[in-house]
PDB file of N, CA and C in Angstrom:
ATOM      1  N   MET A   1     124.186  79.511 114.623  1.00  0.00           N
ATOM      2  CA  MET A   1     123.627  80.803 114.629  1.00  0.00           C
ATOM      3  C   MET A   1     122.292  80.479 115.605  1.00  0.00           C
ATOM      4  N   ALA A   2     122.339  81.368 116.809  1.00  0.00           N
ATOM      5  CA  ALA A   2     121.222  80.985 117.587  1.00  0.00           C
ATOM      6  C   ALA A   2     119.830  81.388 117.130  1.00  0.00           C
ATOM      7  N   HIS A   3     119.652  82.534 116.354  1.00  0.00           N
ATOM      8  CA  HIS A   3     118.519  82.685 115.851  1.00  0.00           C
ATOM      9  C   HIS A   3     117.474  81.711 114.930  1.00  0.00           C
ATOM     10  N   GLN A   4     118.536  80.563 114.510  1.00  0.00           N
ATOM     11  CA  GLN A   4     117.803  79.647 113.760  1.00  0.00           C
ATOM     12  C   GLN A   4     116.480  79.025 114.505  1.00  0.00           C
ATOM     13  N   GLN A   5     116.666  78.881 115.799  1.00  0.00           N
ATOM     14  CA  GLN A   5     115.850  78.210 116.546  1.00  0.00           C
ATOM     15  C   GLN A   5     114.460  78.949 116.673  1.00  0.00           C
ATOM     16  N   HIS A   6     114.511  80.400 116.099  1.00  0.00           N
ATOM     17  CA  HIS A   6     113.414  81.064 116.243  1.00  0.00           C
ATOM     18  C   HIS A   6     113.184  81.576 114.560  1.00  0.00           C
ATOM     19  N   GLN A   7     113.360  80.824 113.824  1.00  0.00           N
ATOM     20  CA  GLN A   7     113.161  81.028 112.401  1.00  0.00           C
ATOM     21  C   GLN A   7     111.480  81.237 112.087  1.00  0.00           C
ATOM     22  N   GLU A   8     110.740  80.373 112.748  1.00  0.00           N
ATOM     23  CA  GLU A   8     109.262  80.540 112.600  1.00  0.00           C
ATOM     24  C   GLU A   8     108.806  82.027 113.071  1.00  0.00           C
ATOM     25  N   THR A   9     109.139  82.339 114.139  1.00  0.00           N
ATOM     26  CA  THR A   9     109.048  83.656 114.731  1.00  0.00           C
ATOM     27  C   THR A   9     109.570  84.713 113.912  1.00  0.00           C
ATOM     28  N   LEU A  10     110.606  84.477 113.387  1.00  0.00           N
ATOM     29  CA  LEU A  10     111.231  85.569 112.516  1.00  0.00           C
ATOM     30  C   LEU A  10     110.178  85.846 111.374  1.00  0.00           C
ATOM     31  N   ASN A  11     109.941  84.727 110.849  1.00  0.00           N
ATOM     32  CA  ASN A  11     108.998  84.839 109.576  1.00  0.00           C
ATOM     33  C   ASN A  11     107.530  85.540 109.780  1.00  0.00           C
ATOM     34  N   VAL A  12     107.118  85.039 111.152  1.00  0.00           N
ATOM     35  CA  VAL A  12     105.819  85.810 111.563  1.00  0.00           C
ATOM     36  C   VAL A  12     106.150  87.226 111.945  1.00  0.00           C
ATOM     37  N   LEU A  13     107.058  87.703 112.517  1.00  0.00           N
ATOM     38  CA  LEU A  13     107.643  89.068 112.714  1.00  0.00           C
ATOM     39  C   LEU A  13     107.492  89.716 111.394  1.00  0.00           C
ATOM     40  N   HIS A  14     108.283  89.192 110.343  1.00  0.00           N
ATOM     41  CA  HIS A  14     108.398  90.051 108.951  1.00  0.00           C
ATOM     42  C   HIS A  14     107.119  90.238 108.562  1.00  0.00           C
ATOM     43  N   GLU A  15     106.260  88.939 108.493  1.00  0.00           N
ATOM     44  CA  GLU A  15     104.811  89.279 107.925  1.00  0.00           C
ATOM     45  C   GLU A  15     104.010  90.215 108.589  1.00  0.00           C
ATOM     46  N   CYS A  16     104.289  90.190 109.875  1.00  0.00           N
ATOM     47  CA  CYS A  16     103.451  91.193 110.533  1.00  0.00           C
ATOM     48  C   CYS A  16     103.916  92.835 110.229  1.00  0.00           C
ATOM     49  N   MET A  17     105.211  92.932 110.337  1.00  0.00           N
ATOM     50  CA  MET A  17     105.752  94.155 109.778  1.00  0.00           C
ATOM     51  C   MET A  17     105.232  94.638 108.496  1.00  0.00           C
ATOM     52  N   GLU A  18     105.255  93.686 107.555  1.00  0.00           N
ATOM     53  CA  GLU A  18     104.855  93.949 106.085  1.00  0.00           C
ATOM     54  C   GLU A  18     103.291  94.297 106.119  1.00  0.00           C
ATOM     55  N   ALA A  19     102.688  93.732 106.904  1.00  0.00           N
ATOM     56  CA  ALA A  19     101.013  94.021 106.959  1.00  0.00           C
ATOM     57  C   ALA A  19     100.919  95.272 107.472  1.00  0.00           C
ATOM     58  N   CYS A  20     101.336  95.676 108.730  1.00  0.00           N
ATOM     59  CA  CYS A  20     101.349  96.867 109.237  1.00  0.00           C
ATOM     60  C   CYS A  20     101.788  98.019 108.394  1.00  0.00           C
ATOM     61  N   ASN A  21     102.929  97.734 107.873  1.00  0.00           N
ATOM     62  CA  ASN A  21     103.330  98.911 106.682  1.00  0.00           C
ATOM     63  C   ASN A  21     102.400  99.053 105.516  1.00  0.00           C
ATOM     64  N   HIS A  22     101.757  97.929 105.016  1.00  0.00           N
ATOM     65  CA  HIS A  22     100.731  98.041 103.871  1.00  0.00           C
ATOM     66  C   HIS A  22      99.584  98.610 104.393  1.00  0.00           C
ATOM     67  N   CYS A  23      98.963  98.403 105.813  1.00  0.00           N
ATOM     68  CA  CYS A  23      97.897  99.023 106.150  1.00  0.00           C
ATOM     69  C   CYS A  23      98.057 100.476 106.699  1.00  0.00           C
ATOM     70  N   PHE A  24      99.270 101.001 107.030  1.00  0.00           N
ATOM     71  CA  PHE A  24      99.812 102.258 107.389  1.00  0.00           C
ATOM     72  C   PHE A  24      99.598 103.026 106.187  1.00  0.00           C
ATOM     73  N   ASP A  25      99.976 102.380 104.862  1.00  0.00           N
ATOM     74  CA  ASP A  25     100.191 103.345 103.722  1.00  0.00           C
ATOM     75  C   ASP A  25      98.662 103.327 103.056  1.00  0.00           C
ATOM     76  N   ALA A  26      98.068 102.226 103.347  1.00  0.00           N
ATOM     77  CA  ALA A  26      96.664 102.386 102.765  1.00  0.00           C
ATOM     78  C   ALA A  26      95.527 103.297 103.475  1.00  0.00           C
ATOM     79  N   CYS A  27      95.846 103.238 105.023  1.00  0.00           N
ATOM     80  CA  CYS A  27      94.981 104.165 105.646  1.00  0.00           C
ATOM     81  C   CYS A  27      95.126 105.589 105.348  1.00  0.00           C
ATOM     82  N   LEU A  28      96.563 105.990 105.062  1.00  0.00           N
ATOM     83  CA  LEU A  28      96.694 107.145 104.624  1.00  0.00           C
ATOM     84  C   LEU A  28      96.153 107.678 103.295  1.00  0.00           C
ATOM     85  N   LYS A  29      95.577 106.742 102.551  1.00  0.00           N
ATOM     86  CA  LYS A  29      94.792 107.000 101.236  1.00  0.00           C
ATOM     87  C   LYS A  29      93.483 106.833 101.480  1.00  0.00           C
ATOM     88  N   GLU A  30      93.071 106.631 102.587  1.00  0.00           N
ATOM     89  CA  GLU A  30      91.500 106.553 102.787  1.00  0.00           C
ATOM     90  C   GLU A  30      90.905 107.949 102.849  1.00  0.00           C
ATOM     91  N   ASP A  31      89.475 107.944 102.515  1.00  0.00           N
ATOM     92  CA  ASP A  31      89.045 109.290 102.451  1.00  0.00           C
ATOM     93  C   ASP A  31      89.056 110.082 103.749  1.00  0.00           C
ATOM     94  N   ASP A  32      88.691 109.430 104.902  1.00  0.00           N
ATOM     95  CA  ASP A  32      88.593 110.092 106.216  1.00  0.00           C
ATOM     96  C   ASP A  32      89.959 109.477 106.812  1.00  0.00           C
ATOM     97  N   VAL A  33      91.218 110.231 106.694  1.00  0.00           N
ATOM     98  CA  VAL A  33      92.280 109.890 107.145  1.00  0.00           C
ATOM     99  C   VAL A  33      92.374 110.064 108.748  1.00  0.00           C
ATOM    100  N   LYS A  34      91.416 111.133 109.209  1.00  0.00           N
ATOM    101  CA  LYS A  34      91.490 111.534 110.553  1.00  0.00           C
ATOM    102  C   LYS A  34      91.151 110.397 111.408  1.00  0.00           C
ATOM    103  N   MET A  35      89.743 109.628 110.874  1.00  0.00           N
ATOM    104  CA  MET A  35      89.143 108.540 111.456  1.00  0.00           C
ATOM    105  C   MET A  35      90.150 107.454 111.723  1.00  0.00           C
ATOM    106  N   MET A  36      91.149 107.444 110.756  1.00  0.00           N
ATOM    107  CA  MET A  36      92.231 106.253 110.777  1.00  0.00           C
ATOM    108  C   MET A  36      93.538 106.414 111.840  1.00  0.00           C
ATOM    109  N   ALA A  37      93.466 107.708 112.097  1.00  0.00           N
ATOM    110  CA  ALA A  37      94.652 108.357 112.871  1.00  0.00           C
ATOM    111  C   ALA A  37      95.197 107.383 114.029  1.00  0.00           C
ATOM    112  N   GLY A  38      94.284 106.538 114.659  1.00  0.00           N
ATOM    113  CA  GLY A  38      94.520 105.521 115.874  1.00  0.00           C
ATOM    114  C   GLY A  38      95.184 104.283 115.128  1.00  0.00           C
ATOM    115  N   CYS A  39      94.506 104.146 114.040  1.00  0.00           N
ATOM    116  CA  CYS A  39      95.174 102.826 113.337  1.00  0.00           C
ATOM    117  C   CYS A  39      96.428 103.039 112.611  1.00  0.00           C
ATOM    118  N   ILE A  40      96.644 104.260 112.201  1.00  0.00           N
ATOM    119  CA  ILE A  40      97.910 104.607 111.580  1.00  0.00           C
ATOM    120  C   ILE A  40      99.136 104.553 112.485  1.00  0.00           C
ATOM    121  N   ARG A  41      98.717 105.398 113.678  1.00  0.00           N
ATOM    122  CA  ARG A  41      99.681 105.394 114.857  1.00  0.00           C
ATOM    123  C   ARG A  41     100.211 103.946 115.210  1.00  0.00           C
ATOM    124  N   LEU A  42      99.426 103.033 115.449  1.00  0.00           N
ATOM    125  CA  LEU A  42      99.437 101.732 116.033  1.00  0.00           C
ATOM    126  C   LEU A  42     100.101 100.959 114.802  1.00  0.00           C
ATOM    127  N   ASP A  43      99.755 101.091 113.607  1.00  0.00           N
ATOM    128  CA  ASP A  43     100.467 100.323 112.548  1.00  0.00           C
ATOM    129  C   ASP A  43     102.070 100.685 112.502  1.00  0.00           C
ATOM    130  N   ARG A  44     102.391 101.941 112.682  1.00  0.00           N
ATOM    131  CA  ARG A  44     103.878 102.425 112.889  1.00  0.00           C
ATOM    132  C   ARG A  44     104.460 101.864 113.969  1.00  0.00           C
ATOM    133  N   GLU A  45     103.794 102.003 115.189  1.00  0.00           N
ATOM    134  CA  GLU A  45     104.494 101.383 116.302  1.00  0.00           C
ATOM    135  C   GLU A  45     104.606  99.768 116.364  1.00  0.00           C
ATOM    136  N   CYS A  46     103.668  99.066 115.866  1.00  0.00           N
ATOM    137  CA  CYS A  46     103.868  97.779 115.498  1.00  0.00           C
ATOM    138  C   CYS A  46     104.842  97.435 114.554  1.00  0.00           C
ATOM    139  N   ALA A  47     104.992  97.979 113.281  1.00  0.00           N
ATOM    140  CA  ALA A  47     106.019  97.666 112.428  1.00  0.00           C
ATOM    141  C   ALA A  47     107.275  97.865 113.003  1.00  0.00           C
ATOM    142  N   ASP A  48     107.577  99.110 113.667  1.00  0.00           N
ATOM    143  CA  ASP A  48     108.900  99.361 114.211  1.00  0.00           C
ATOM    144  C   ASP A  48     109.155  98.206 115.330  1.00  0.00           C
ATOM    145  N   ILE A  49     108.252  98.079 116.200  1.00  0.00           N
ATOM    146  CA  ILE A  49     108.641  96.938 117.253  1.00  0.00           C
ATOM    147  C   ILE A  49     108.983  95.468 116.608  1.00  0.00           C
ATOM    148  N   CYS A  50     108.157  95.264 115.580  1.00  0.00           N
ATOM    149  CA  CYS A  50     108.469  93.750 114.987  1.00  0.00           C
ATOM    150  C   CYS A  50     109.722  93.846 114.230  1.00  0.00           C
ATOM    151  N   GLY A  51     110.170  95.029 113.521  1.00  0.00           N
ATOM    152  CA  GLY A  51     111.324  95.110 112.768  1.00  0.00           C
ATOM    153  C   GLY A  51     112.685  94.976 113.842  1.00  0.00           C
ATOM    154  N   TYR A  52     112.358  95.672 115.169  1.00  0.00           N
ATOM    155  CA  TYR A  52     113.472  95.797 116.020  1.00  0.00           C
ATOM    156  C   TYR A  52     113.452  94.337 116.494  1.00  0.00           C
ATOM    157  N   LEU A  53     112.385  93.545 117.038  1.00  0.00           N
ATOM    158  CA  LEU A  53     112.860  92.391 117.701  1.00  0.00           C
ATOM    159  C   LEU A  53     113.223  91.333 116.716  1.00  0.00           C
ATOM    160  N   GLU A  54     112.911  91.586 115.306  1.00  0.00           N
ATOM    161  CA  GLU A  54     113.403  90.680 114.164  1.00  0.00           C
ATOM    162  C   GLU A  54     114.916  90.694 114.257  1.00  0.00           C
ATOM    163  N   ALA A  55     115.421  91.989 114.276  1.00  0.00           N
ATOM    164  CA  ALA A  55     116.844  92.376 114.492  1.00  0.00           C
ATOM    165  C   ALA A  55     117.743  91.850 115.702  1.00  0.00           C
ATOM    166  N   ALA A  56     116.824  92.121 116.716  1.00  0.00           N
ATOM    167  CA  ALA A  56     117.239  91.601 118.087  1.00  0.00           C
ATOM    168  C   ALA A  56     117.516  90.220 118.082  1.00  0.00           C
ATOM    169  N   ILE A  57     116.596  89.409 117.487  1.00  0.00           N
ATOM    170  CA  ILE A  57     116.756  88.125 117.677  1.00  0.00           C
ATOM    171  C   ILE A  57     117.878  87.504 116.724  1.00  0.00           C
ATOM    172  N   THR A  58     117.956  88.096 115.534  1.00  0.00           N
ATOM    173  CA  THR A  58     119.143  87.785 114.864  1.00  0.00           C
ATOM    174  C   THR A  58     120.533  88.168 115.297  1.00  0.00           C
ATOM    175  N   ARG A  59     120.632  89.032 116.048  1.00  0.00           N
ATOM    176  CA  ARG A  59     121.977  89.267 116.595  1.00  0.00           C
ATOM    177  C   ARG A  59     122.275  88.773 118.022  1.00  0.00           C
ATOM    178  N   GLY A  60     121.109  87.916 118.594  1.00  0.00           N
ATOM    179  CA  GLY A  60     121.260  87.163 119.840  1.00  0.00           C
ATOM    180  C   GLY A  60     121.269  88.212 121.037  1.00  0.00           C
ATOM    181  N   SER A  61     120.560  89.173 120.960  1.00  0.00           N
ATOM    182  CA  SER A  61     120.301  90.116 122.176  1.00  0.00           C
ATOM    183  C   SER A  61     119.898  89.432 123.372  1.00  0.00           C
ATOM    184  N   ALA A  62     120.307  89.977 124.610  1.00  0.00           N
ATOM    185  CA  ALA A  62     120.018  89.279 125.568  1.00  0.00           C
ATOM    186  C   ALA A  62     118.578  89.881 125.965  1.00  0.00           C
ATOM    187  N   TYR A  63     118.051  90.702 125.288  1.00  0.00           N
ATOM    188  CA  TYR A  63     116.774  91.311 125.742  1.00  0.00           C
ATOM    189  C   TYR A  63     115.593  90.885 124.960  1.00  0.00           C
ATOM    190  N   VAL A  64     115.663  89.574 124.263  1.00  0.00           N
ATOM    191  CA  VAL A  64     114.642  89.111 123.318  1.00  0.00           C
ATOM    192  C   VAL A  64     113.387  89.151 124.129  1.00  0.00           C
ATOM    193  N   SER A  65     113.463  88.459 125.229  1.00  0.00           N
ATOM    194  CA  SER A  65     112.281  87.881 126.146  1.00  0.00           C
ATOM    195  C   SER A  65     111.492  89.200 126.284  1.00  0.00           C
ATOM    196  N   GLU A  66     112.069  90.109 126.819  1.00  0.00           N
ATOM    197  CA  GLU A  66     111.495  91.316 127.389  1.00  0.00           C
ATOM    198  C   GLU A  66     110.937  91.984 126.013  1.00  0.00           C
ATOM    199  N   LEU A  67     111.542  92.164 125.103  1.00  0.00           N
ATOM    200  CA  LEU A  67     111.261  92.978 123.749  1.00  0.00           C
ATOM    201  C   LEU A  67     109.988  92.229 123.216  1.00  0.00           C
ATOM    202  N   ALA A  68     110.032  90.781 123.367  1.00  0.00           N
ATOM    203  CA  ALA A  68     109.039  89.885 122.814  1.00  0.00           C
ATOM    204  C   ALA A  68     107.723  90.249 123.488  1.00  0.00           C
ATOM    205  N   SER A  69     107.707  90.516 124.822  1.00  0.00           N
ATOM    206  CA  SER A  69     106.696  90.731 125.525  1.00  0.00           C
ATOM    207  C   SER A  69     105.926  92.099 125.347  1.00  0.00           C
ATOM    208  N   VAL A  70     106.954  93.112 125.032  1.00  0.00           N
ATOM    209  CA  VAL A  70     106.505  94.546 124.674  1.00  0.00           C
ATOM    210  C   VAL A  70     105.752  94.126 123.260  1.00  0.00           C
ATOM    211  N   CYS A  71     106.402  93.451 122.430  1.00  0.00           N
ATOM    212  CA  CYS A  71     105.975  93.414 121.017  1.00  0.00           C
ATOM    213  C   CYS A  71     104.566  92.895 121.083  1.00  0.00           C
ATOM    214  N   ALA A  72     104.350  91.681 121.856  1.00  0.00           N
ATOM    215  CA  ALA A  72     103.052  91.167 121.833  1.00  0.00           C
ATOM    216  C   ALA A  72     102.042  91.961 122.234  1.00  0.00           C
ATOM    217  N   LYS A  73     102.305  92.889 123.432  1.00  0.00           N
ATOM    218  CA  LYS A  73     101.306  93.840 123.629  1.00  0.00           C
ATOM    219  C   LYS A  73     101.014  94.877 122.657  1.00  0.00           C
ATOM    220  N   ILE A  74     101.994  95.372 122.048  1.00  0.00           N
ATOM    221  CA  ILE A  74     101.838  96.491 120.714  1.00  0.00           C
ATOM    222  C   ILE A  74     100.995  95.619 119.531  1.00  0.00           C
ATOM    223  N   CYS A  75     101.363  94.358 119.421  1.00  0.00           N
ATOM    224  CA  CYS A  75     100.478  93.631 118.327  1.00  0.00           C
ATOM    225  C   CYS A  75      99.175  93.532 118.791  1.00  0.00           C
ATOM    226  N   ASP A  76      98.895  93.133 120.076  1.00  0.00           N
ATOM    227  CA  ASP A  76      97.463  92.857 120.554  1.00  0.00           C
ATOM    228  C   ASP A  76      96.747  94.187 120.312  1.00  0.00           C
ATOM    229  N   ASP A  77      97.207  95.385 120.759  1.00  0.00           N
ATOM    230  CA  ASP A  77      96.479  96.595 120.584  1.00  0.00           C
ATOM    231  C   ASP A  77      96.361  96.959 119.163  1.00  0.00           C
ATOM    232  N   CYS A  78      97.237  96.945 118.275  1.00  0.00           N
ATOM    233  CA  CYS A  78      97.336  96.929 116.853  1.00  0.00           C
ATOM    234  C   CYS A  78      96.194  96.247 116.196  1.00  0.00           C
ATOM    235  N   ALA A  79      96.044  94.884 116.597  1.00  0.00           N
ATOM    236  CA  ALA A  79      95.025  93.948 116.083  1.00  0.00           C
ATOM    237  C   ALA A  79      93.594  94.473 116.559  1.00  0.00           C
ATOM    238  N   GLU A  80      93.635  94.911 118.119  1.00  0.00           N
ATOM    239  CA  GLU A  80      92.207  95.476 118.266  1.00  0.00           C
ATOM    240  C   GLU A  80      91.855  96.704 117.544  1.00  0.00           C
ATOM    241  N   GLU A  81      92.743  97.592 117.329  1.00  0.00           N
ATOM    242  CA  GLU A  81      92.332  98.809 116.583  1.00  0.00           C
ATOM    243  C   GLU A  81      91.872  98.668 115.253  1.00  0.00           C
ATOM    244  N   CYS A  82      92.914  97.812 114.453  1.00  0.00           N
ATOM    245  CA  CYS A  82      92.828  97.449 113.015  1.00  0.00           C
ATOM    246  C   CYS A  82      91.230  96.580 112.873  1.00  0.00           C
ATOM    247  N   ALA A  83      90.914  95.743 113.889  1.00  0.00           N
ATOM    248  CA  ALA A  83      89.825  95.037 113.860  1.00  0.00           C
ATOM    249  C   ALA A  83      88.367  95.788 113.869  1.00  0.00           C
ATOM    250  N   LYS A  84      88.605  97.068 114.257  1.00  0.00           N
ATOM    251  CA  LYS A  84      87.488  97.918 114.213  1.00  0.00           C
ATOM    252  C   LYS A  84      87.003  98.612 112.982  1.00  0.00           C
ATOM    253  N   HIS A  85      87.936  98.402 111.979  1.00  0.00           N
ATOM    254  CA  HIS A  85      87.702  98.764 110.680  1.00  0.00           C
ATOM    255  C   HIS A  85      87.417  97.731 109.571  1.00  0.00           C
ATOM    256  N   ASP A  86      86.383  98.189 108.687  1.00  0.00           N
ATOM    257  CA  ASP A  86      86.109  97.003 107.471  1.00  0.00           C
ATOM    258  C   ASP A  86      87.186  97.073 106.558  1.00  0.00           C
ATOM    259  N   HIS A  87      87.834  97.965 106.366  1.00  0.00           N
ATOM    260  CA  HIS A  87      88.888  97.655 105.188  1.00  0.00           C
ATOM    261  C   HIS A  87      89.592  96.538 105.263  1.00  0.00           C
ATOM    262  N   ASP A  88      89.744  95.803 104.011  1.00  0.00           N
ATOM    263  CA  ASP A  88      90.446  94.653 103.724  1.00  0.00           C
ATOM    264  C   ASP A  88      91.923  94.920 104.381  1.00  0.00           C
ATOM    265  N   HIS A  89      92.561  95.712 104.313  1.00  0.00           N
ATOM    266  CA  HIS A  89      94.089  96.044 104.593  1.00  0.00           C
ATOM    267  C   HIS A  89      93.868  96.108 106.022  1.00  0.00           C
ATOM    268  N   CYS A  90      92.958  96.553 106.688  1.00  0.00           N
ATOM    269  CA  CYS A  90      93.056  96.718 108.319  1.00  0.00           C
ATOM    270  C   CYS A  90      92.583  95.065 108.771  1.00  0.00           C
ATOM    271  N   GLN A  91      91.819  94.433 108.276  1.00  0.00           N
ATOM    272  CA  GLN A  91      91.303  93.066 108.653  1.00  0.00           C
ATOM    273  C   GLN A  91      92.630  92.136 108.335  1.00  0.00           C
ATOM    274  N   GLU A  92      93.252  92.204 107.541  1.00  0.00           N
ATOM    275  CA  GLU A  92      94.578  91.374 107.062  1.00  0.00           C
ATOM    276  C   GLU A  92      95.655  91.761 108.235  1.00  0.00           C
ATOM    277  N   CYS A  93      95.659  93.145 108.568  1.00  0.00           N
ATOM    278  CA  CYS A  93      96.568  93.558 109.643  1.00  0.00           C
ATOM    279  C   CYS A  93      96.400  93.018 110.989  1.00  0.00           C
ATOM    280  N   ALA A  94      94.813  93.094 111.168  1.00  0.00           N
ATOM    281  CA  ALA A  94      94.466  92.392 112.388  1.00  0.00           C
ATOM    282  C   ALA A  94      95.011  91.074 112.631  1.00  0.00           C
ATOM    283  N   GLU A  95      94.802  90.112 111.708  1.00  0.00           N
ATOM    284  CA  GLU A  95      95.013  88.994 111.779  1.00  0.00           C
ATOM    285  C   GLU A  95      96.528  88.474 111.828  1.00  0.00           C
ATOM    286  N   ALA A  96      97.282  89.274 111.102  1.00  0.00           N
ATOM    287  CA  ALA A  96      98.896  89.103 111.102  1.00  0.00           C
ATOM    288  C   ALA A  96      99.307  89.765 112.512  1.00  0.00           C
ATOM    289  N   CYS A  97      98.541  90.572 113.031  1.00  0.00           N
ATOM    290  CA  CYS A  97      99.078  91.070 114.437  1.00  0.00           C
ATOM    291  C   CYS A  97      98.582  90.085 115.442  1.00  0.00           C
ATOM    292  N   ARG A  98      97.538  89.298 115.441  1.00  0.00           N
ATOM    293  CA  ARG A  98      97.178  88.479 116.268  1.00  0.00           C
ATOM    294  C   ARG A  98      98.315  87.235 116.345  1.00  0.00           C
ATOM    295  N   LYS A  99      98.668  86.685 115.090  1.00  0.00           N
ATOM    296  CA  LYS A  99      99.344  85.637 114.921  1.00  0.00           C
ATOM    297  C   LYS A  99     100.693  86.117 115.571  1.00  0.00           C
ATOM    298  N   CYS A 100     101.207  87.395 115.261  1.00  0.00           N
ATOM    299  CA  CYS A 100     102.655  87.777 115.861  1.00  0.00           C
ATOM    300  C   CYS A 100     102.491  87.711 117.398  1.00  0.00           C
ATOM    301  N   ALA A 101     101.491  88.316 117.926  1.00  0.00           N
ATOM    302  CA  ALA A 101     101.380  88.392 119.280  1.00  0.00           C
ATOM    303  C   ALA A 101     101.634  86.979 120.100  1.00  0.00           C
ATOM    304  N   ASP A 102     100.980  86.071 119.373  1.00  0.00           N
ATOM    305  CA  ASP A 102     100.934  84.626 119.744  1.00  0.00           C
ATOM    306  C   ASP A 102     102.376  84.114 119.908  1.00  0.00           C
ATOM    307  N   ALA A 103     103.080  84.269 118.694  1.00  0.00           N
ATOM    308  CA  ALA A 103     104.509  83.913 118.658  1.00  0.00           C
ATOM    309  C   ALA A 103     105.221  84.649 119.539  1.00  0.00           C
ATOM    310  N   CYS A 104     105.251  85.958 119.676  1.00  0.00           N
ATOM    311  CA  CYS A 104     105.932  86.738 120.677  1.00  0.00           C
ATOM    312  C   CYS A 104     105.745  86.259 122.186  1.00  0.00           C
ATOM    313  N   ARG A 105     104.449  85.780 122.561  1.00  0.00           N
ATOM    314  CA  ARG A 105     104.443  85.190 123.775  1.00  0.00           C
ATOM    315  C   ARG A 105     105.113  83.947 124.143  1.00  0.00           C
ATOM    316  N   LYS A 106     105.429  83.167 123.186  1.00  0.00           N
ATOM    317  CA  LYS A 106     105.851  81.969 123.316  1.00  0.00           C
ATOM    318  C   LYS A 106     107.278  82.203 123.446  1.00  0.00           C
ATOM    319  N   ILE A 107     108.027  83.275 123.367  1.00  0.00           N
ATOM    320  CA  ILE A 107     109.516  83.575 123.469  1.00  0.00           C
ATOM    321  C   ILE A 107     109.705  84.531 124.467  1.00  0.00           C
ATOM    322  N   ALA A 108     108.478  85.178 124.936  1.00  0.00           N
ATOM    323  CA  ALA A 108     108.628  86.262 126.161  1.00  0.00           C
ATOM    324  C   ALA A 108     109.070  85.462 127.464  1.00  0.00           C
TER     325      ALA A 108
END
């Protein structure tokens, strides 16, 4: 299985997807949801691309490098947005996104 060489990246991608999904859900429960709109939007984008890249790696897609590059960009953007908010879920998401962006750049 070709994806076994990327097991660490798969783990990081999955953790990032989970952190983004948790942040997304928690942001929807905040008092000022409108203020969290950018964070919510990027959480969705990031979770989706992380899940897609995870699937692409496991099936041996020829586009892993390109997808990893896009994933790193989205993770960077999500980390930057989440870091603007003091909520624990946003700070945890920002950290997971930074870690994921770094992992993605290594395979891009």
